[in-house]
PDB file of N, CA and C in Angstrom:
ATOM      1  N   MET A   1      -2.125  20.425   1.514  1.00  0.00           N
ATOM      2  CA  MET A   1      -1.581  20.602  -0.135  1.00  0.00           C
ATOM      3  C   MET A   1      -1.786  20.298  -0.962  1.00  0.00           C
ATOM      4  N   GLU A   2      -2.296  21.070  -2.299  1.00  0.00           N
ATOM      5  CA  GLU A   2      -3.454  20.264  -3.775  1.00  0.00           C
ATOM      6  C   GLU A   2      -1.218  19.856  -4.888  1.00  0.00           C
ATOM      7  N   GLY A   3      -2.332  19.006  -5.588  1.00  0.00           N
ATOM      8  CA  GLY A   3      -1.053  18.645  -6.430  1.00  0.00           C
ATOM      9  C   GLY A   3      -0.105  17.444  -5.634  1.00  0.00           C
ATOM     10  N   LYS A   4      -0.166  16.587  -5.008  1.00  0.00           N
ATOM     11  CA  LYS A   4      -0.348  15.602  -4.106  1.00  0.00           C
ATOM     12  C   LYS A   4      -0.031  14.150  -4.635  1.00  0.00           C
ATOM     13  N   LYS A   5       1.127  12.883  -5.007  1.00  0.00           N
ATOM     14  CA  LYS A   5       0.768  12.077  -5.313  1.00  0.00           C
ATOM     15  C   LYS A   5       0.169  11.000  -4.506  1.00  0.00           C
ATOM     16  N   LYS A   6      -0.670  10.276  -4.653  1.00  0.00           N
ATOM     17  CA  LYS A   6      -1.525   9.810  -3.309  1.00  0.00           C
ATOM     18  C   LYS A   6      -0.917   8.010  -3.158  1.00  0.00           C
ATOM     19  N   VAL A   7      -0.579   8.112  -2.529  1.00  0.00           N
ATOM     20  CA  VAL A   7       0.392   6.328  -2.434  1.00  0.00           C
ATOM     21  C   VAL A   7      -0.217   5.328  -0.764  1.00  0.00           C
ATOM     22  N   LEU A   8      -0.598   4.529  -1.611  1.00  0.00           N
ATOM     23  CA  LEU A   8      -1.952   3.661  -0.996  1.00  0.00           C
ATOM     24  C   LEU A   8      -0.951   2.117  -0.104  1.00  0.00           C
ATOM     25  N   VAL A   9      -0.847   2.367   0.963  1.00  0.00           N
ATOM     26  CA  VAL A   9       0.383   1.418   1.598  1.00  0.00           C
ATOM     27  C   VAL A   9      -0.470   0.335   1.673  1.00  0.00           C
ATOM     28  N   VAL A  10       0.027  -0.282   1.999  1.00  0.00           N
ATOM     29  CA  VAL A  10      -0.052  -1.968   2.623  1.00  0.00           C
ATOM     30  C   VAL A  10       0.447  -2.621   3.662  1.00  0.00           C
ATOM     31  N   GLU A  11       0.342  -2.065   4.468  1.00  0.00           N
ATOM     32  CA  GLU A  11       1.657  -2.398   6.045  1.00  0.00           C
ATOM     33  C   GLU A  11       0.847  -3.234   6.518  1.00  0.00           C
ATOM     34  N   ASP A  12       1.228  -4.257   7.293  1.00  0.00           N
ATOM     35  CA  ASP A  12       1.178  -4.389   8.782  1.00  0.00           C
ATOM     36  C   ASP A  12       1.825  -3.450  10.149  1.00  0.00           C
ATOM     37  N   GLU A  13       2.567  -3.405   9.286  1.00  0.00           N
ATOM     38  CA  GLU A  13       4.254  -3.251  10.675  1.00  0.00           C
ATOM     39  C   GLU A  13       3.781  -1.602  10.688  1.00  0.00           C
ATOM     40  N   ALA A  14       3.690  -0.571  11.255  1.00  0.00           N
ATOM     41  CA  ALA A  14       3.408   0.466  12.362  1.00  0.00           C
ATOM     42  C   ALA A  14       4.181   1.282  11.507  1.00  0.00           C
ATOM     43  N   SER A  15       5.651   0.509  11.558  1.00  0.00           N
ATOM     44  CA  SER A  15       7.000   1.449  11.634  1.00  0.00           C
ATOM     45  C   SER A  15       7.577   1.883  10.277  1.00  0.00           C
ATOM     46  N   VAL A  16       6.538   1.286   9.753  1.00  0.00           N
ATOM     47  CA  VAL A  16       6.861   1.310   7.824  1.00  0.00           C
ATOM     48  C   VAL A  16       6.540   2.434   7.288  1.00  0.00           C
ATOM     49  N   HIS A  17       4.515   1.742   8.530  1.00  0.00           N
ATOM     50  CA  HIS A  17       4.098   3.473   7.903  1.00  0.00           C
ATOM     51  C   HIS A  17       4.743   5.037   8.406  1.00  0.00           C
ATOM     52  N   ASP A  18       5.733   4.260   9.521  1.00  0.00           N
ATOM     53  CA  ASP A  18       5.661   5.932   9.812  1.00  0.00           C
ATOM     54  C   ASP A  18       6.872   6.142   8.760  1.00  0.00           C
ATOM     55  N   MET A  19       7.974   5.248   8.941  1.00  0.00           N
ATOM     56  CA  MET A  19       9.479   5.726   7.532  1.00  0.00           C
ATOM     57  C   MET A  19       9.147   6.309   6.619  1.00  0.00           C
ATOM     58  N   TYR A  20       7.744   5.947   5.669  1.00  0.00           N
ATOM     59  CA  TYR A  20       7.285   6.300   4.833  1.00  0.00           C
ATOM     60  C   TYR A  20       6.663   7.772   4.402  1.00  0.00           C
ATOM     61  N   ARG A  21       5.715   7.677   5.703  1.00  0.00           N
ATOM     62  CA  ARG A  21       5.469   9.456   6.200  1.00  0.00           C
ATOM     63  C   ARG A  21       6.880   9.904   6.807  1.00  0.00           C
ATOM     64  N   ARG A  22       8.282   9.720   7.315  1.00  0.00           N
ATOM     65  CA  ARG A  22       9.383  10.828   7.662  1.00  0.00           C
ATOM     66  C   ARG A  22       9.974  11.091   6.586  1.00  0.00           C
ATOM     67  N   GLN A  23       9.765  10.401   5.325  1.00  0.00           N
ATOM     68  CA  GLN A  23      10.775  10.457   4.381  1.00  0.00           C
ATOM     69  C   GLN A  23      10.277  10.764   3.101  1.00  0.00           C
ATOM     70  N   MET A  24       8.752  10.881   2.646  1.00  0.00           N
ATOM     71  CA  MET A  24       8.436  11.773   1.650  1.00  0.00           C
ATOM     72  C   MET A  24       6.671  12.343   2.359  1.00  0.00           C
ATOM     73  N   GLY A  25       6.644  12.694   3.222  1.00  0.00           N
ATOM     74  CA  GLY A  25       5.079  12.982   3.311  1.00  0.00           C
ATOM     75  C   GLY A  25       4.869  14.324   3.298  1.00  0.00           C
ATOM     76  N   GLU A  26       5.846  14.978   2.941  1.00  0.00           N
ATOM     77  CA  GLU A  26       5.289  16.459   2.757  1.00  0.00           C
ATOM     78  C   GLU A  26       5.650  16.510   1.404  1.00  0.00           C
ATOM     79  N   ARG A  27       5.866  15.311   0.301  1.00  0.00           N
ATOM     80  CA  ARG A  27       5.099  15.334  -1.218  1.00  0.00           C
ATOM     81  C   ARG A  27       4.558  15.049  -1.360  1.00  0.00           C
ATOM     82  N   ILE A  28       3.840  12.886  -0.664  1.00  0.00           N
ATOM     83  CA  ILE A  28       2.909  12.693  -0.829  1.00  0.00           C
ATOM     84  C   ILE A  28       2.768  11.945   0.009  1.00  0.00           C
ATOM     85  N   GLU A  29       0.740  11.803  -0.162  1.00  0.00           N
ATOM     86  CA  GLU A  29      -0.488  11.512   0.666  1.00  0.00           C
ATOM     87  C   GLU A  29       0.010   9.854   1.024  1.00  0.00           C
ATOM     88  N   PHE A  30       0.120   9.929   1.855  1.00  0.00           N
ATOM     89  CA  PHE A  30      -0.339   7.818   2.765  1.00  0.00           C
ATOM     90  C   PHE A  30      -1.217   7.546   3.053  1.00  0.00           C
ATOM     91  N   LEU A  31      -2.061   7.108   1.998  1.00  0.00           N
ATOM     92  CA  LEU A  31      -3.266   6.549   2.752  1.00  0.00           C
ATOM     93  C   LEU A  31      -2.660   4.745   3.696  1.00  0.00           C
ATOM     94  N   SER A  32      -2.531   4.453   4.796  1.00  0.00           N
ATOM     95  CA  SER A  32      -2.219   3.572   4.977  1.00  0.00           C
ATOM     96  C   SER A  32      -3.484   2.375   5.957  1.00  0.00           C
ATOM     97  N   ALA A  33      -3.176   1.286   5.709  1.00  0.00           N
ATOM     98  CA  ALA A  33      -3.583  -0.037   5.475  1.00  0.00           C
ATOM     99  C   ALA A  33      -3.594  -0.597   6.122  1.00  0.00           C
ATOM    100  N   ARG A  34      -3.659  -2.005   7.167  1.00  0.00           N
ATOM    101  CA  ARG A  34      -2.028  -2.362   8.160  1.00  0.00           C
ATOM    102  C   ARG A  34      -3.291  -4.380   7.909  1.00  0.00           C
ATOM    103  N   SER A  35      -4.327  -4.105   6.867  1.00  0.00           N
ATOM    104  CA  SER A  35      -3.925  -5.450   6.977  1.00  0.00           C
ATOM    105  C   SER A  35      -4.673  -5.420   5.580  1.00  0.00           C
ATOM    106  N   ILE A  36      -5.867  -7.216   5.283  1.00  0.00           N
ATOM    107  CA  ILE A  36      -5.475  -6.491   3.206  1.00  0.00           C
ATOM    108  C   ILE A  36      -7.428  -6.734   3.999  1.00  0.00           C
ATOM    109  N   GLU A  37      -7.823  -5.911   4.377  1.00  0.00           N
ATOM    110  CA  GLU A  37      -9.488  -6.081   4.479  1.00  0.00           C
ATOM    111  C   GLU A  37      -9.371  -4.413   4.840  1.00  0.00           C
ATOM    112  N   GLU A  38      -8.748  -4.361   5.035  1.00  0.00           N
ATOM    113  CA  GLU A  38      -8.097  -2.011   5.560  1.00  0.00           C
ATOM    114  C   GLU A  38      -7.882  -2.124   4.190  1.00  0.00           C
ATOM    115  N   GLY A  39      -6.929  -2.759   2.891  1.00  0.00           N
ATOM    116  CA  GLY A  39      -6.486  -2.469   2.061  1.00  0.00           C
ATOM    117  C   GLY A  39      -7.348  -2.241   1.027  1.00  0.00           C
ATOM    118  N   GLU A  40      -8.025  -4.104   1.287  1.00  0.00           N
ATOM    119  CA  GLU A  40      -9.662  -3.427   0.378  1.00  0.00           C
ATOM    120  C   GLU A  40     -10.540  -2.203   0.014  1.00  0.00           C
ATOM    121  N   GLN A  41     -11.092  -1.896   1.753  1.00  0.00           N
ATOM    122  CA  GLN A  41     -11.660  -1.095   1.436  1.00  0.00           C
ATOM    123  C   GLN A  41     -11.531   0.571   1.334  1.00  0.00           C
ATOM    124  N   LEU A  42     -10.085   0.690   1.139  1.00  0.00           N
ATOM    125  CA  LEU A  42      -9.865   1.992   0.722  1.00  0.00           C
ATOM    126  C   LEU A  42      -9.236   2.269  -1.007  1.00  0.00           C
ATOM    127  N   PHE A  43      -8.690   1.011  -0.642  1.00  0.00           N
ATOM    128  CA  PHE A  43      -8.475   1.133  -2.481  1.00  0.00           C
ATOM    129  C   PHE A  43     -10.343   1.095  -3.361  1.00  0.00           C
ATOM    130  N   ALA A  44     -11.083   0.272  -2.812  1.00  0.00           N
ATOM    131  CA  ALA A  44     -12.350   0.443  -3.278  1.00  0.00           C
ATOM    132  C   ALA A  44     -12.405   2.007  -3.428  1.00  0.00           C
ATOM    133  N   GLU A  45     -13.047   2.755  -1.593  1.00  0.00           N
ATOM    134  CA  GLU A  45     -12.897   4.149  -1.331  1.00  0.00           C
ATOM    135  C   GLU A  45     -13.027   5.410  -2.361  1.00  0.00           C
ATOM    136  N   HIS A  46     -11.252   5.439  -2.746  1.00  0.00           N
ATOM    137  CA  HIS A  46     -10.252   5.779  -2.823  1.00  0.00           C
ATOM    138  C   HIS A  46      -9.849   5.370  -4.717  1.00  0.00           C
ATOM    139  N   GLN A  47     -11.155   4.378  -4.952  1.00  0.00           N
ATOM    140  CA  GLN A  47     -10.749   4.144  -6.854  1.00  0.00           C
ATOM    141  C   GLN A  47     -10.866   5.041  -7.229  1.00  0.00           C
ATOM    142  N   GLY A  48      -9.686   4.640  -8.692  1.00  0.00           N
ATOM    143  CA  GLY A  48      -8.943   5.443  -9.704  1.00  0.00           C
ATOM    144  C   GLY A  48      -8.254   7.218  -8.877  1.00  0.00           C
ATOM    145  N   GLN A  49      -8.149   7.658  -7.581  1.00  0.00           N
ATOM    146  CA  GLN A  49      -7.088   8.639  -7.358  1.00  0.00           C
ATOM    147  C   GLN A  49      -5.179   8.558  -6.872  1.00  0.00           C
ATOM    148  N   PHE A  50      -5.229   6.541  -6.969  1.00  0.00           N
ATOM    149  CA  PHE A  50      -3.859   6.493  -7.059  1.00  0.00           C
ATOM    150  C   PHE A  50      -2.963   6.412  -7.260  1.00  0.00           C
ATOM    151  N   ASP A  51      -2.026   6.938  -7.372  1.00  0.00           N
ATOM    152  CA  ASP A  51      -0.547   6.792  -8.399  1.00  0.00           C
ATOM    153  C   ASP A  51       0.260   6.525  -8.608  1.00  0.00           C
ATOM    154  N   ALA A  52      -0.145   5.590  -7.108  1.00  0.00           N
ATOM    155  CA  ALA A  52       1.096   4.095  -6.596  1.00  0.00           C
ATOM    156  C   ALA A  52       1.040   3.899  -5.347  1.00  0.00           C
ATOM    157  N   ILE A  53       0.950   1.602  -6.254  1.00  0.00           N
ATOM    158  CA  ILE A  53       0.835   0.861  -4.604  1.00  0.00           C
ATOM    159  C   ILE A  53       1.407   0.065  -4.032  1.00  0.00           C
ATOM    160  N   VAL A  54       2.032   0.522  -2.127  1.00  0.00           N
ATOM    161  CA  VAL A  54       2.772  -0.027  -1.900  1.00  0.00           C
ATOM    162  C   VAL A  54       2.744  -1.179  -1.052  1.00  0.00           C
ATOM    163  N   MET A  55       3.114  -2.552  -1.969  1.00  0.00           N
ATOM    164  CA  MET A  55       2.448  -3.927  -0.940  1.00  0.00           C
ATOM    165  C   MET A  55       3.418  -4.782   0.477  1.00  0.00           C
ATOM    166  N   ASP A  56       3.209  -4.985   1.275  1.00  0.00           N
ATOM    167  CA  ASP A  56       4.127  -6.377   1.355  1.00  0.00           C
ATOM    168  C   ASP A  56       3.691  -7.341   2.075  1.00  0.00           C
ATOM    169  N   ALA A  57       4.171  -8.196   1.687  1.00  0.00           N
ATOM    170  CA  ALA A  57       4.302  -9.863   0.421  1.00  0.00           C
ATOM    171  C   ALA A  57       3.482 -10.184   1.459  1.00  0.00           C
ATOM    172  N   CYS A  58       4.127  -9.971   2.944  1.00  0.00           N
ATOM    173  CA  CYS A  58       3.205 -10.708   4.877  1.00  0.00           C
ATOM    174  C   CYS A  58       2.295 -10.423   5.003  1.00  0.00           C
ATOM    175  N   VAL A  59       0.953  -9.815   5.054  1.00  0.00           N
ATOM    176  CA  VAL A  59      -0.283  -9.622   6.001  1.00  0.00           C
ATOM    177  C   VAL A  59      -1.118  -9.683   6.436  1.00  0.00           C
ATOM    178  N   PRO A  60      -1.516 -10.573   7.495  1.00  0.00           N
ATOM    179  CA  PRO A  60      -0.369 -10.220   9.053  1.00  0.00           C
ATOM    180  C   PRO A  60       1.650 -11.143   8.898  1.00  0.00           C
ATOM    181  N   GLY A  61       1.897 -11.477   8.839  1.00  0.00           N
ATOM    182  CA  GLY A  61       3.110 -12.697   9.051  1.00  0.00           C
ATOM    183  C   GLY A  61       3.716 -12.355   8.454  1.00  0.00           C
ATOM    184  N   ASP A  62       4.789 -14.407   8.920  1.00  0.00           N
ATOM    185  CA  ASP A  62       5.508 -14.898   7.804  1.00  0.00           C
ATOM    186  C   ASP A  62       5.962 -15.118   6.393  1.00  0.00           C
ATOM    187  N   ARG A  63       4.538 -15.441   6.164  1.00  0.00           N
ATOM    188  CA  ARG A  63       4.257 -16.108   5.495  1.00  0.00           C
ATOM    189  C   ARG A  63       3.701 -14.922   4.029  1.00  0.00           C
ATOM    190  N   PRO A  64       3.685 -15.701   2.094  1.00  0.00           N
ATOM    191  CA  PRO A  64       2.372 -14.170   1.667  1.00  0.00           C
ATOM    192  C   PRO A  64       1.521 -14.381   1.785  1.00  0.00           C
ATOM    193  N   THR A  65       0.738 -12.990   1.929  1.00  0.00           N
ATOM    194  CA  THR A  65      -0.451 -13.573   1.721  1.00  0.00           C
ATOM    195  C   THR A  65      -1.711 -12.655   1.640  1.00  0.00           C
ATOM    196  N   THR A  66      -0.316 -11.893   0.312  1.00  0.00           N
ATOM    197  CA  THR A  66      -1.525 -10.548  -0.504  1.00  0.00           C
ATOM    198  C   THR A  66      -1.614 -10.305  -1.668  1.00  0.00           C
ATOM    199  N   GLY A  67      -0.935 -12.291  -2.752  1.00  0.00           N
ATOM    200  CA  GLY A  67      -1.007 -12.334  -4.045  1.00  0.00           C
ATOM    201  C   GLY A  67      -2.615 -12.066  -4.071  1.00  0.00           C
ATOM    202  N   PRO A  68      -3.231 -12.088  -3.421  1.00  0.00           N
ATOM    203  CA  PRO A  68      -5.110 -12.413  -4.205  1.00  0.00           C
ATOM    204  C   PRO A  68      -5.407 -10.723  -3.978  1.00  0.00           C
ATOM    205  N   LEU A  69      -4.966 -10.618  -3.248  1.00  0.00           N
ATOM    206  CA  LEU A  69      -5.409  -8.566  -3.495  1.00  0.00           C
ATOM    207  C   LEU A  69      -4.482  -7.668  -4.445  1.00  0.00           C
ATOM    208  N   VAL A  70      -3.217  -8.363  -4.266  1.00  0.00           N
ATOM    209  CA  VAL A  70      -2.818  -7.391  -5.456  1.00  0.00           C
ATOM    210  C   VAL A  70      -3.312  -8.339  -6.765  1.00  0.00           C
ATOM    211  N   GLU A  71      -3.818  -9.054  -6.978  1.00  0.00           N
ATOM    212  CA  GLU A  71      -4.476  -9.393  -9.170  1.00  0.00           C
ATOM    213  C   GLU A  71      -6.275  -8.371  -8.423  1.00  0.00           C
ATOM    214  N   ARG A  72      -7.026  -8.477  -7.210  1.00  0.00           N
ATOM    215  CA  ARG A  72      -7.746  -7.403  -7.697  1.00  0.00           C
ATOM    216  C   ARG A  72      -7.592  -6.717  -7.491  1.00  0.00           C
ATOM    217  N   PHE A  73      -6.484  -6.184  -6.930  1.00  0.00           N
ATOM    218  CA  PHE A  73      -5.903  -4.266  -7.618  1.00  0.00           C
ATOM    219  C   PHE A  73      -5.663  -4.499  -9.143  1.00  0.00           C
ATOM    220  N   ARG A  74      -4.737  -5.288  -9.231  1.00  0.00           N
ATOM    221  CA  ARG A  74      -4.446  -5.200 -10.308  1.00  0.00           C
ATOM    222  C   ARG A  74      -5.128  -4.597 -12.264  1.00  0.00           C
ATOM    223  N   ALA A  75      -6.738  -5.925 -11.506  1.00  0.00           N
ATOM    224  CA  ALA A  75      -7.895  -6.084 -12.592  1.00  0.00           C
ATOM    225  C   ALA A  75      -7.811  -5.001 -12.592  1.00  0.00           C
ATOM    226  N   ALA A  76      -7.527  -2.970 -11.539  1.00  0.00           N
ATOM    227  CA  ALA A  76      -7.823  -2.206 -11.687  1.00  0.00           C
ATOM    228  C   ALA A  76      -7.569  -1.238 -11.299  1.00  0.00           C
ATOM    229  N   PHE A  77      -6.276  -1.773 -11.089  1.00  0.00           N
ATOM    230  CA  PHE A  77      -5.599  -0.219 -11.530  1.00  0.00           C
ATOM    231  C   PHE A  77      -4.219  -1.124 -12.663  1.00  0.00           C
ATOM    232  N   ALA A  78      -3.919  -0.037 -13.254  1.00  0.00           N
ATOM    233  CA  ALA A  78      -2.900   0.320 -14.349  1.00  0.00           C
ATOM    234  C   ALA A  78      -1.343   0.770 -13.824  1.00  0.00           C
ATOM    235  N   GLY A  79      -1.813   1.383 -13.118  1.00  0.00           N
ATOM    236  CA  GLY A  79      -0.433   2.222 -12.531  1.00  0.00           C
ATOM    237  C   GLY A  79       0.554   1.359 -11.756  1.00  0.00           C
ATOM    238  N   PRO A  80       1.680   1.879 -10.920  1.00  0.00           N
ATOM    239  CA  PRO A  80       2.457   0.726 -10.196  1.00  0.00           C
ATOM    240  C   PRO A  80       2.314   0.125  -9.081  1.00  0.00           C
ATOM    241  N   ILE A  81       2.470  -0.963  -8.516  1.00  0.00           N
ATOM    242  CA  ILE A  81       2.916  -1.954  -7.603  1.00  0.00           C
ATOM    243  C   ILE A  81       4.499  -2.053  -7.234  1.00  0.00           C
ATOM    244  N   ILE A  82       3.875  -1.299  -5.919  1.00  0.00           N
ATOM    245  CA  ILE A  82       5.607  -1.515  -5.611  1.00  0.00           C
ATOM    246  C   ILE A  82       5.351  -3.175  -4.522  1.00  0.00           C
ATOM    247  N   ALA A  83       6.326  -3.779  -4.547  1.00  0.00           N
ATOM    248  CA  ALA A  83       6.244  -5.499  -4.086  1.00  0.00           C
ATOM    249  C   ALA A  83       7.243  -5.009  -2.379  1.00  0.00           C
ATOM    250  N   THR A  84       6.779  -4.629  -0.688  1.00  0.00           N
ATOM    251  CA  THR A  84       8.457  -4.416  -0.332  1.00  0.00           C
ATOM    252  C   THR A  84       8.301  -6.270   0.539  1.00  0.00           C
ATOM    253  N   SER A  85       9.209  -6.386   1.461  1.00  0.00           N
ATOM    254  CA  SER A  85       8.749  -7.472   2.710  1.00  0.00           C
ATOM    255  C   SER A  85       9.894  -6.653   3.907  1.00  0.00           C
ATOM    256  N   GLY A  86       9.926  -7.400   4.040  1.00  0.00           N
ATOM    257  CA  GLY A  86      10.610  -7.698   5.737  1.00  0.00           C
ATOM    258  C   GLY A  86      11.839  -8.709   5.942  1.00  0.00           C
ATOM    259  N   MET A  87      10.950  -9.256   5.279  1.00  0.00           N
ATOM    260  CA  MET A  87      11.226 -11.052   4.968  1.00  0.00           C
ATOM    261  C   MET A  87      13.353 -11.007   4.118  1.00  0.00           C
ATOM    262  N   GLU A  88      14.543 -11.407   5.480  1.00  0.00           N
ATOM    263  CA  GLU A  88      15.728 -11.604   4.495  1.00  0.00           C
ATOM    264  C   GLU A  88      15.646 -12.819   3.674  1.00  0.00           C
ATOM    265  N   LYS A  89      14.705 -13.680   3.392  1.00  0.00           N
ATOM    266  CA  LYS A  89      15.010 -14.877   2.338  1.00  0.00           C
ATOM    267  C   LYS A  89      13.807 -14.239   1.406  1.00  0.00           C
TER     268      LYS A  89
END
């Protein structure tokens, strides 16, 4: 479908990617990255095409790891970067 918004999701949990697609898949094109490296690659391949980025804080694991990636994205992307986390605290 032409005119769909394009969103990059950087998240290590497959179930979260599935949830986004189930909830909004008809309206939004999601590009899924399950690692920091894959997120960097998709961002470079589709530079200037994203309407938003959804970024898990801990990819992978339970400790924040994506701060440097967010900084690299922010240097080239002025749109919204939405932070997510499965951590309770």
